Amino acid sequence: MTDEEIIEQVLGGNIHIFSEIVDRYKDYVFNLIYRFTYNYCEAEDISQEIFINIYKKLDKFHGGSKFSTWIYRISYNLCIDWYRKNKNKPPGVSLEDFTEPFDKCLSPEETVIDHQKAVELHKSIMKLDKKYIDVLILFYFQEQSYEEISTVLDLPVKTVETRLYRGRNLLRKEFGLVWR
């Protein structure tokens, strides 16, 4: 069943089928939020809020873009709201953060070191100007194409390319990080 068919059924009164949308997009949404918050519990809470918003706004989706892009835009906007409210707080790392799947080939010590590096990378990115944070997270952590980022952020593709280039250079210069 396509997303559009599910939407049609939900809007027609079959609210139970909305769980199909949640199942299809829960990892997608959670991963985006986790990359902004770097806190497992926060990401879970915000994910639930996003799906409530998606359900409430479902009648506003008119098919002008892909449904996944529309969901991504709602998720992204809530991430930005979260960021504005929490930008002065250091990213929290809870025990739940260690329940995310790690590379099975790593020793426990290597797993902790990898996680610490990820936390430091996140802190470095979050110190940048918001316009660079957006494109870096969407490109590297969410693996969005320039075109997809352009759609989500409502920017020309050239602007996305420029911000990605400048964001990487700032990380390289300010924090000694190297991007591939």
N, C-alpha and C. Protein backbone atom coordinates (compact mmCIF):
# COMPACT_ATOMS: atom_id res chain seq x y z
N MET A 1 0.84 -1.17 0.00
CA MET A 1 0.00 0.00 0.00
C MET A 1 0.89 1.24 0.00
N THR A 2 0.60 2.19 -0.86
CA THR A 2 1.41 3.41 -0.95
C THR A 2 1.07 4.36 0.19
N ASP A 3 1.96 5.32 0.40
CA ASP A 3 1.72 6.35 1.41
C ASP A 3 0.41 7.08 1.13
N GLU A 4 0.19 7.40 -0.12
CA GLU A 4 -1.02 8.14 -0.51
C GLU A 4 -2.29 7.35 -0.20
N GLU A 5 -2.24 6.06 -0.43
CA GLU A 5 -3.40 5.21 -0.13
C GLU A 5 -3.67 5.16 1.37
N ILE A 6 -2.60 5.08 2.14
CA ILE A 6 -2.75 5.07 3.60
C ILE A 6 -3.33 6.40 4.07
N ILE A 7 -2.81 7.50 3.54
CA ILE A 7 -3.31 8.84 3.91
C ILE A 7 -4.80 8.94 3.60
N GLU A 8 -5.18 8.46 2.43
CA GLU A 8 -6.59 8.50 2.02
C GLU A 8 -7.46 7.72 3.01
N GLN A 9 -6.98 6.56 3.43
CA GLN A 9 -7.76 5.75 4.37
C GLN A 9 -7.84 6.41 5.75
N VAL A 10 -6.71 6.99 6.20
CA VAL A 10 -6.71 7.67 7.50
C VAL A 10 -7.69 8.84 7.46
N LEU A 11 -7.62 9.63 6.41
CA LEU A 11 -8.53 10.78 6.28
C LEU A 11 -9.98 10.33 6.12
N GLY A 12 -10.17 9.12 5.64
CA GLY A 12 -11.51 8.56 5.49
C GLY A 12 -12.05 7.95 6.78
N GLY A 13 -11.25 7.95 7.84
CA GLY A 13 -11.73 7.48 9.14
C GLY A 13 -11.04 6.25 9.69
N ASN A 14 -10.21 5.59 8.90
CA ASN A 14 -9.49 4.40 9.37
C ASN A 14 -8.20 4.84 10.07
N ILE A 15 -8.33 5.34 11.29
CA ILE A 15 -7.18 5.91 11.99
C ILE A 15 -6.15 4.85 12.39
N HIS A 16 -6.56 3.62 12.49
CA HIS A 16 -5.64 2.56 12.92
C HIS A 16 -4.54 2.28 11.89
N ILE A 17 -4.81 2.58 10.65
CA ILE A 17 -3.81 2.32 9.61
C ILE A 17 -2.67 3.36 9.65
N PHE A 18 -2.84 4.41 10.44
CA PHE A 18 -1.76 5.40 10.60
C PHE A 18 -0.50 4.73 11.15
N SER A 19 -0.67 3.63 11.87
CA SER A 19 0.48 2.91 12.40
C SER A 19 1.43 2.46 11.29
N GLU A 20 0.90 2.27 10.08
CA GLU A 20 1.74 1.92 8.92
C GLU A 20 2.72 3.07 8.62
N ILE A 21 2.23 4.29 8.70
CA ILE A 21 3.09 5.47 8.48
C ILE A 21 4.17 5.50 9.55
N VAL A 22 3.77 5.30 10.79
CA VAL A 22 4.73 5.31 11.90
C VAL A 22 5.79 4.24 11.68
N ASP A 23 5.36 3.03 11.33
CA ASP A 23 6.32 1.93 11.11
C ASP A 23 7.29 2.24 9.98
N ARG A 24 6.81 2.85 8.92
CA ARG A 24 7.66 3.16 7.77
C ARG A 24 8.70 4.23 8.07
N TYR A 25 8.33 5.20 8.87
CA TYR A 25 9.17 6.39 9.03
C TYR A 25 9.76 6.59 10.41
N LYS A 26 9.50 5.69 11.35
CA LYS A 26 9.97 5.91 12.72
C LYS A 26 11.50 5.97 12.82
N ASP A 27 12.21 5.10 12.11
CA ASP A 27 13.67 5.13 12.17
C ASP A 27 14.23 6.37 11.49
N TYR A 28 13.64 6.70 10.39
CA TYR A 28 14.02 7.89 9.61
C TYR A 28 13.91 9.15 10.48
N VAL A 29 12.78 9.30 11.16
CA VAL A 29 12.52 10.46 12.00
C VAL A 29 13.42 10.43 13.23
N PHE A 30 13.50 9.29 13.88
CA PHE A 30 14.32 9.17 15.10
C PHE A 30 15.78 9.53 14.82
N ASN A 31 16.31 9.01 13.73
CA ASN A 31 17.72 9.27 13.40
C ASN A 31 18.00 10.76 13.20
N LEU A 32 17.10 11.45 12.53
CA LEU A 32 17.27 12.89 12.35
C LEU A 32 17.29 13.59 13.71
N ILE A 33 16.35 13.28 14.54
CA ILE A 33 16.24 13.94 15.83
C ILE A 33 17.44 13.62 16.71
N TYR A 34 17.85 12.37 16.68
CA TYR A 34 18.99 11.97 17.51
C TYR A 34 20.25 12.75 17.11
N ARG A 35 20.40 13.02 15.82
CA ARG A 35 21.57 13.78 15.36
C ARG A 35 21.52 15.24 15.81
N PHE A 36 20.35 15.75 16.07
CA PHE A 36 20.23 17.12 16.60
C PHE A 36 20.40 17.14 18.11
N THR A 37 19.81 16.19 18.80
CA THR A 37 19.79 16.22 20.26
C THR A 37 20.93 15.44 20.89
N TYR A 38 21.35 14.41 20.23
CA TYR A 38 22.33 13.46 20.75
C TYR A 38 21.93 12.95 22.13
N ASN A 39 20.64 12.78 22.30
CA ASN A 39 20.11 12.26 23.55
C ASN A 39 18.97 11.31 23.20
N TYR A 40 19.12 10.07 23.58
CA TYR A 40 18.17 9.02 23.19
C TYR A 40 16.76 9.33 23.69
N CYS A 41 16.65 9.70 24.96
CA CYS A 41 15.32 9.96 25.54
C CYS A 41 14.65 11.17 24.88
N GLU A 42 15.42 12.23 24.67
CA GLU A 42 14.87 13.42 23.98
C GLU A 42 14.39 13.04 22.58
N ALA A 43 15.19 12.25 21.89
CA ALA A 43 14.85 11.86 20.52
C ALA A 43 13.56 11.04 20.50
N GLU A 44 13.39 10.17 21.47
CA GLU A 44 12.14 9.40 21.54
C GLU A 44 10.94 10.31 21.77
N ASP A 45 11.08 11.24 22.72
CA ASP A 45 9.97 12.16 23.02
C ASP A 45 9.61 13.03 21.83
N ILE A 46 10.62 13.58 21.18
CA ILE A 46 10.37 14.46 20.04
C ILE A 46 9.79 13.65 18.87
N SER A 47 10.24 12.41 18.70
CA SER A 47 9.68 11.55 17.65
C SER A 47 8.18 11.37 17.83
N GLN A 48 7.77 11.12 19.06
CA GLN A 48 6.34 10.97 19.33
C GLN A 48 5.59 12.26 19.01
N GLU A 49 6.16 13.37 19.40
CA GLU A 49 5.54 14.66 19.11
C GLU A 49 5.41 14.88 17.60
N ILE A 50 6.42 14.48 16.87
CA ILE A 50 6.40 14.63 15.41
C ILE A 50 5.27 13.81 14.79
N PHE A 51 5.12 12.56 15.22
CA PHE A 51 4.07 11.74 14.64
C PHE A 51 2.67 12.24 15.02
N ILE A 52 2.55 12.83 16.18
CA ILE A 52 1.27 13.47 16.54
C ILE A 52 1.00 14.64 15.60
N ASN A 53 2.05 15.44 15.34
CA ASN A 53 1.90 16.57 14.40
C ASN A 53 1.58 16.10 12.99
N ILE A 54 2.23 15.03 12.57
CA ILE A 54 1.97 14.50 11.23
C ILE A 54 0.51 14.06 11.13
N TYR A 55 0.04 13.37 12.15
CA TYR A 55 -1.35 12.91 12.15
C TYR A 55 -2.31 14.10 12.08
N LYS A 56 -2.04 15.13 12.89
CA LYS A 56 -2.93 16.29 12.93
C LYS A 56 -2.92 17.08 11.61
N LYS A 57 -1.78 17.06 10.92
CA LYS A 57 -1.62 17.86 9.69
C LYS A 57 -1.78 17.03 8.42
N LEU A 58 -2.16 15.79 8.55
CA LEU A 58 -2.23 14.89 7.40
C LEU A 58 -3.11 15.45 6.28
N ASP A 59 -4.16 16.15 6.63
CA ASP A 59 -5.04 16.71 5.61
C ASP A 59 -4.39 17.86 4.84
N LYS A 60 -3.25 18.35 5.33
CA LYS A 60 -2.54 19.44 4.66
C LYS A 60 -1.55 18.94 3.61
N PHE A 61 -1.31 17.63 3.60
CA PHE A 61 -0.42 17.06 2.58
C PHE A 61 -1.20 16.92 1.28
N HIS A 62 -0.72 17.61 0.25
CA HIS A 62 -1.45 17.61 -1.03
C HIS A 62 -0.66 16.97 -2.17
N GLY A 63 0.45 16.33 -1.84
CA GLY A 63 1.19 15.61 -2.86
C GLY A 63 2.08 16.47 -3.74
N GLY A 64 2.33 17.71 -3.35
CA GLY A 64 3.22 18.57 -4.13
C GLY A 64 4.66 18.10 -4.10
N SER A 65 5.00 17.34 -3.08
CA SER A 65 6.33 16.75 -2.95
C SER A 65 6.14 15.32 -2.47
N LYS A 66 7.25 14.59 -2.33
CA LYS A 66 7.15 13.24 -1.81
C LYS A 66 6.70 13.31 -0.35
N PHE A 67 5.96 12.32 0.09
CA PHE A 67 5.48 12.27 1.46
C PHE A 67 6.66 12.25 2.44
N SER A 68 7.70 11.52 2.08
CA SER A 68 8.88 11.45 2.96
C SER A 68 9.51 12.83 3.14
N THR A 69 9.52 13.64 2.10
CA THR A 69 10.05 15.01 2.19
C THR A 69 9.18 15.85 3.11
N TRP A 70 7.88 15.69 3.00
CA TRP A 70 6.94 16.42 3.85
C TRP A 70 7.15 16.05 5.33
N ILE A 71 7.30 14.76 5.60
CA ILE A 71 7.56 14.29 6.96
C ILE A 71 8.89 14.85 7.45
N TYR A 72 9.87 14.82 6.57
CA TYR A 72 11.19 15.31 6.92
C TYR A 72 11.13 16.78 7.28
N ARG A 73 10.35 17.55 6.55
CA ARG A 73 10.23 18.99 6.82
C ARG A 73 9.61 19.24 8.19
N ILE A 74 8.56 18.51 8.52
CA ILE A 74 7.94 18.63 9.85
C ILE A 74 8.95 18.26 10.93
N SER A 75 9.67 17.17 10.72
CA SER A 75 10.67 16.72 11.69
C SER A 75 11.77 17.76 11.86
N TYR A 76 12.24 18.25 10.74
CA TYR A 76 13.30 19.24 10.76
C TYR A 76 12.87 20.50 11.52
N ASN A 77 11.65 20.97 11.27
CA ASN A 77 11.16 22.17 11.95
C ASN A 77 11.08 21.97 13.46
N LEU A 78 10.65 20.79 13.89
CA LEU A 78 10.61 20.53 15.34
C LEU A 78 12.02 20.42 15.92
N CYS A 79 12.96 19.91 15.14
CA CYS A 79 14.36 19.87 15.58
C CYS A 79 14.91 21.28 15.77
N ILE A 80 14.58 22.15 14.85
CA ILE A 80 15.04 23.54 14.95
C ILE A 80 14.42 24.20 16.18
N ASP A 81 13.14 23.95 16.44
CA ASP A 81 12.51 24.48 17.65
C ASP A 81 13.23 23.97 18.89
N TRP A 82 13.52 22.66 18.91
CA TRP A 82 14.23 22.08 20.04
C TRP A 82 15.61 22.75 20.19
N TYR A 83 16.30 22.93 19.08
CA TYR A 83 17.63 23.52 19.12
C TYR A 83 17.59 24.94 19.69
N ARG A 84 16.62 25.72 19.26
CA ARG A 84 16.50 27.10 19.77
C ARG A 84 16.29 27.12 21.28
N LYS A 85 15.50 26.19 21.76
CA LYS A 85 15.22 26.14 23.20
C LYS A 85 16.41 25.61 24.00
N ASN A 86 17.25 24.79 23.39
CA ASN A 86 18.29 24.09 24.12
C ASN A 86 19.71 24.40 23.67
N LYS A 87 19.90 25.42 22.84
CA LYS A 87 21.23 25.64 22.26
C LYS A 87 22.29 25.98 23.31
N ASN A 88 21.90 26.48 24.46
CA ASN A 88 22.88 26.83 25.48
C ASN A 88 23.16 25.69 26.45
N LYS A 89 22.41 24.60 26.29
CA LYS A 89 22.66 23.42 27.13
C LYS A 89 23.67 22.52 26.45
N PRO A 90 24.60 21.95 27.22
CA PRO A 90 25.51 20.99 26.59
C PRO A 90 24.74 19.74 26.21
N PRO A 91 25.14 19.07 25.11
CA PRO A 91 24.44 17.85 24.74
C PRO A 91 24.57 16.81 25.83
N GLY A 92 23.47 16.20 26.19
CA GLY A 92 23.48 15.19 27.24
C GLY A 92 23.67 13.82 26.65
N VAL A 93 24.36 13.00 27.37
CA VAL A 93 24.51 11.61 26.96
C VAL A 93 24.01 10.77 28.12
N SER A 94 23.03 9.95 27.86
CA SER A 94 22.46 9.11 28.90
C SER A 94 22.84 7.65 28.66
N LEU A 95 22.55 6.82 29.64
CA LEU A 95 22.84 5.39 29.48
C LEU A 95 22.10 4.80 28.30
N GLU A 96 20.91 5.33 28.00
CA GLU A 96 20.15 4.83 26.87
C GLU A 96 20.90 5.03 25.56
N ASP A 97 21.76 6.04 25.51
CA ASP A 97 22.52 6.30 24.29
C ASP A 97 23.42 5.12 23.94
N PHE A 98 23.79 4.36 24.94
CA PHE A 98 24.66 3.23 24.68
C PHE A 98 23.89 2.00 24.23
N THR A 99 22.57 2.09 24.16
CA THR A 99 21.79 0.97 23.67
C THR A 99 21.64 1.00 22.16
N GLU A 100 22.08 2.10 21.52
CA GLU A 100 21.99 2.14 20.07
C GLU A 100 22.97 1.13 19.50
N PRO A 101 22.68 0.57 18.34
CA PRO A 101 23.56 -0.47 17.81
C PRO A 101 24.92 0.08 17.41
N PHE A 102 25.94 -0.57 17.90
CA PHE A 102 27.31 -0.22 17.54
C PHE A 102 27.89 -1.32 16.67
N ASP A 103 28.99 -1.04 16.07
CA ASP A 103 29.68 -2.02 15.24
C ASP A 103 30.05 -3.22 16.11
N LYS A 104 29.58 -4.39 15.74
CA LYS A 104 29.78 -5.60 16.54
C LYS A 104 31.25 -6.04 16.57
N CYS A 105 32.07 -5.53 15.65
CA CYS A 105 33.47 -5.93 15.60
C CYS A 105 34.33 -5.15 16.60
N LEU A 106 33.77 -4.14 17.21
CA LEU A 106 34.54 -3.31 18.13
C LEU A 106 34.51 -3.91 19.53
N SER A 107 35.62 -3.70 20.24
CA SER A 107 35.66 -4.11 21.64
C SER A 107 34.84 -3.11 22.46
N PRO A 108 34.50 -3.42 23.70
CA PRO A 108 33.76 -2.46 24.52
C PRO A 108 34.49 -1.12 24.66
N GLU A 109 35.82 -1.18 24.79
CA GLU A 109 36.59 0.06 24.92
C GLU A 109 36.51 0.88 23.63
N GLU A 110 36.64 0.20 22.49
CA GLU A 110 36.55 0.91 21.21
C GLU A 110 35.15 1.49 21.00
N THR A 111 34.15 0.79 21.47
CA THR A 111 32.78 1.28 21.35
C THR A 111 32.61 2.57 22.14
N VAL A 112 33.12 2.61 23.36
CA VAL A 112 33.02 3.81 24.19
C VAL A 112 33.81 4.95 23.56
N ILE A 113 34.98 4.66 23.04
CA ILE A 113 35.80 5.69 22.39
C ILE A 113 35.09 6.23 21.16
N ASP A 114 34.51 5.35 20.35
CA ASP A 114 33.75 5.79 19.18
C ASP A 114 32.59 6.69 19.59
N HIS A 115 31.90 6.30 20.64
CA HIS A 115 30.77 7.11 21.11
C HIS A 115 31.25 8.48 21.60
N GLN A 116 32.37 8.50 22.31
CA GLN A 116 32.91 9.78 22.80
C GLN A 116 33.30 10.67 21.62
N LYS A 117 33.88 10.08 20.59
CA LYS A 117 34.23 10.86 19.39
C LYS A 117 32.97 11.42 18.74
N ALA A 118 31.92 10.62 18.68
CA ALA A 118 30.66 11.09 18.10
C ALA A 118 30.08 12.24 18.90
N VAL A 119 30.17 12.15 20.22
CA VAL A 119 29.67 13.24 21.08
C VAL A 119 30.49 14.50 20.83
N GLU A 120 31.80 14.38 20.73
CA GLU A 120 32.65 15.55 20.47
C GLU A 120 32.36 16.16 19.10
N LEU A 121 32.16 15.31 18.10
CA LEU A 121 31.80 15.80 16.77
C LEU A 121 30.49 16.57 16.84
N HIS A 122 29.52 16.00 17.53
CA HIS A 122 28.22 16.66 17.67
C HIS A 122 28.39 18.03 18.35
N LYS A 123 29.16 18.09 19.43
CA LYS A 123 29.39 19.36 20.13
C LYS A 123 30.02 20.37 19.19
N SER A 124 30.99 19.93 18.39
CA SER A 124 31.67 20.83 17.45
C SER A 124 30.71 21.37 16.41
N ILE A 125 29.90 20.49 15.86
CA ILE A 125 28.93 20.93 14.85
C ILE A 125 27.93 21.90 15.45
N MET A 126 27.45 21.62 16.65
CA MET A 126 26.42 22.46 17.26
C MET A 126 26.94 23.84 17.67
N LYS A 127 28.26 24.04 17.65
CA LYS A 127 28.83 25.36 17.95
C LYS A 127 28.83 26.26 16.71
N LEU A 128 28.59 25.68 15.55
CA LEU A 128 28.59 26.46 14.30
C LEU A 128 27.30 27.25 14.17
N ASP A 129 27.29 28.15 13.22
CA ASP A 129 26.08 28.88 12.88
C ASP A 129 25.03 27.88 12.39
N LYS A 130 23.76 28.15 12.73
CA LYS A 130 22.66 27.24 12.40
C LYS A 130 22.61 26.85 10.93
N LYS A 131 22.92 27.78 10.05
CA LYS A 131 22.82 27.47 8.61
C LYS A 131 23.81 26.37 8.20
N TYR A 132 24.92 26.27 8.91
CA TYR A 132 25.89 25.21 8.62
C TYR A 132 25.49 23.91 9.31
N ILE A 133 24.96 24.02 10.52
CA ILE A 133 24.50 22.84 11.26
C ILE A 133 23.49 22.08 10.41
N ASP A 134 22.53 22.81 9.87
CA ASP A 134 21.46 22.19 9.09
C ASP A 134 22.00 21.33 7.96
N VAL A 135 22.84 21.91 7.13
CA VAL A 135 23.30 21.16 5.95
C VAL A 135 24.25 20.03 6.34
N LEU A 136 25.09 20.24 7.35
CA LEU A 136 26.01 19.18 7.76
C LEU A 136 25.25 17.96 8.30
N ILE A 137 24.28 18.21 9.14
CA ILE A 137 23.51 17.10 9.70
C ILE A 137 22.71 16.40 8.60
N LEU A 138 22.05 17.17 7.76
CA LEU A 138 21.24 16.56 6.71
C LEU A 138 22.09 15.78 5.71
N PHE A 139 23.27 16.29 5.39
CA PHE A 139 24.11 15.63 4.40
C PHE A 139 24.85 14.42 4.98
N TYR A 140 25.54 14.64 6.11
CA TYR A 140 26.39 13.57 6.62
C TYR A 140 25.66 12.55 7.47
N PHE A 141 24.77 13.00 8.32
CA PHE A 141 24.12 12.07 9.23
C PHE A 141 22.83 11.50 8.68
N GLN A 142 22.13 12.27 7.86
CA GLN A 142 20.87 11.79 7.29
C GLN A 142 21.04 11.34 5.84
N GLU A 143 22.25 11.54 5.31
CA GLU A 143 22.60 11.10 3.96
C GLU A 143 21.62 11.61 2.90
N GLN A 144 21.23 12.87 3.05
CA GLN A 144 20.34 13.50 2.08
C GLN A 144 21.18 14.05 0.92
N SER A 145 20.63 14.02 -0.27
CA SER A 145 21.31 14.59 -1.43
C SER A 145 21.19 16.12 -1.38
N TYR A 146 21.97 16.80 -2.21
CA TYR A 146 21.87 18.26 -2.29
C TYR A 146 20.44 18.68 -2.63
N GLU A 147 19.83 17.94 -3.54
CA GLU A 147 18.47 18.28 -3.97
C GLU A 147 17.47 18.10 -2.84
N GLU A 148 17.62 17.02 -2.08
CA GLU A 148 16.71 16.79 -0.95
C GLU A 148 16.89 17.86 0.12
N ILE A 149 18.13 18.21 0.41
CA ILE A 149 18.40 19.27 1.39
C ILE A 149 17.81 20.58 0.89
N SER A 150 17.96 20.83 -0.39
CA SER A 150 17.40 22.04 -1.00
C SER A 150 15.89 22.11 -0.77
N THR A 151 15.22 20.99 -0.94
CA THR A 151 13.77 20.94 -0.74
C THR A 151 13.41 21.13 0.73
N VAL A 152 14.10 20.43 1.61
CA VAL A 152 13.79 20.50 3.04
C VAL A 152 14.02 21.91 3.58
N LEU A 153 15.14 22.53 3.18
CA LEU A 153 15.49 23.85 3.71
C LEU A 153 14.94 24.99 2.86
N ASP A 154 14.34 24.65 1.73
CA ASP A 154 13.80 25.65 0.82
C ASP A 154 14.90 26.64 0.38
N LEU A 155 16.00 26.05 -0.09
CA LEU A 155 17.15 26.82 -0.55
C LEU A 155 17.56 26.34 -1.94
N PRO A 156 18.21 27.21 -2.72
CA PRO A 156 18.76 26.75 -3.99
C PRO A 156 19.87 25.70 -3.75
N VAL A 157 20.04 24.78 -4.67
CA VAL A 157 21.06 23.74 -4.53
C VAL A 157 22.45 24.35 -4.37
N LYS A 158 22.73 25.41 -5.11
CA LYS A 158 24.05 26.07 -5.01
C LYS A 158 24.31 26.59 -3.59
N THR A 159 23.28 27.10 -2.94
CA THR A 159 23.42 27.58 -1.56
C THR A 159 23.73 26.41 -0.63
N VAL A 160 23.09 25.28 -0.85
CA VAL A 160 23.36 24.08 -0.06
C VAL A 160 24.82 23.67 -0.23
N GLU A 161 25.29 23.64 -1.47
CA GLU A 161 26.68 23.27 -1.75
C GLU A 161 27.65 24.22 -1.04
N THR A 162 27.36 25.51 -1.12
CA THR A 162 28.23 26.52 -0.51
C THR A 162 28.26 26.37 1.01
N ARG A 163 27.10 26.19 1.62
CA ARG A 163 27.05 26.05 3.07
C ARG A 163 27.73 24.77 3.54
N LEU A 164 27.61 23.73 2.79
CA LEU A 164 28.27 22.48 3.13
C LEU A 164 29.79 22.66 3.05
N TYR A 165 30.25 23.29 2.01
CA TYR A 165 31.67 23.56 1.83
C TYR A 165 32.20 24.43 2.97
N ARG A 166 31.50 25.52 3.26
CA ARG A 166 31.95 26.43 4.32
C ARG A 166 31.86 25.79 5.70
N GLY A 167 30.82 25.03 5.93
CA GLY A 167 30.67 24.33 7.22
C GLY A 167 31.82 23.37 7.47
N ARG A 168 32.18 22.60 6.44
CA ARG A 168 33.31 21.68 6.57
C ARG A 168 34.60 22.44 6.84
N ASN A 169 34.79 23.55 6.14
CA ASN A 169 36.00 24.35 6.35
C ASN A 169 36.06 24.92 7.75
N LEU A 170 34.93 25.37 8.27
CA LEU A 170 34.90 25.89 9.65
C LEU A 170 35.25 24.80 10.64
N LEU A 171 34.70 23.62 10.45
CA LEU A 171 35.04 22.51 11.35
C LEU A 171 36.52 22.16 11.26
N ARG A 172 37.02 22.18 10.05
CA ARG A 172 38.44 21.88 9.84
C ARG A 172 39.31 22.91 10.55
N LYS A 173 38.97 24.17 10.36
CA LYS A 173 39.76 25.27 10.91
C LYS A 173 39.61 25.40 12.43
N GLU A 174 38.37 25.48 12.88
CA GLU A 174 38.08 25.76 14.29
C GLU A 174 38.32 24.57 15.20
N PHE A 175 38.01 23.39 14.71
CA PHE A 175 38.01 22.23 15.59
C PHE A 175 38.96 21.13 15.16
N GLY A 176 39.68 21.35 14.07
CA GLY A 176 40.64 20.37 13.61
C GLY A 176 40.01 19.09 13.09
N LEU A 177 38.75 19.17 12.65
CA LEU A 177 38.08 17.99 12.15
C LEU A 177 38.29 17.86 10.64
N VAL A 178 38.42 16.64 10.20
CA VAL A 178 38.61 16.37 8.77
C VAL A 178 37.41 15.60 8.27
N TRP A 179 36.81 16.10 7.18
CA TRP A 179 35.64 15.47 6.57
C TRP A 179 36.05 14.81 5.26
N ARG A 180 35.41 13.71 4.98
CA ARG A 180 35.67 13.03 3.70
C ARG A 180 34.58 13.35 2.75
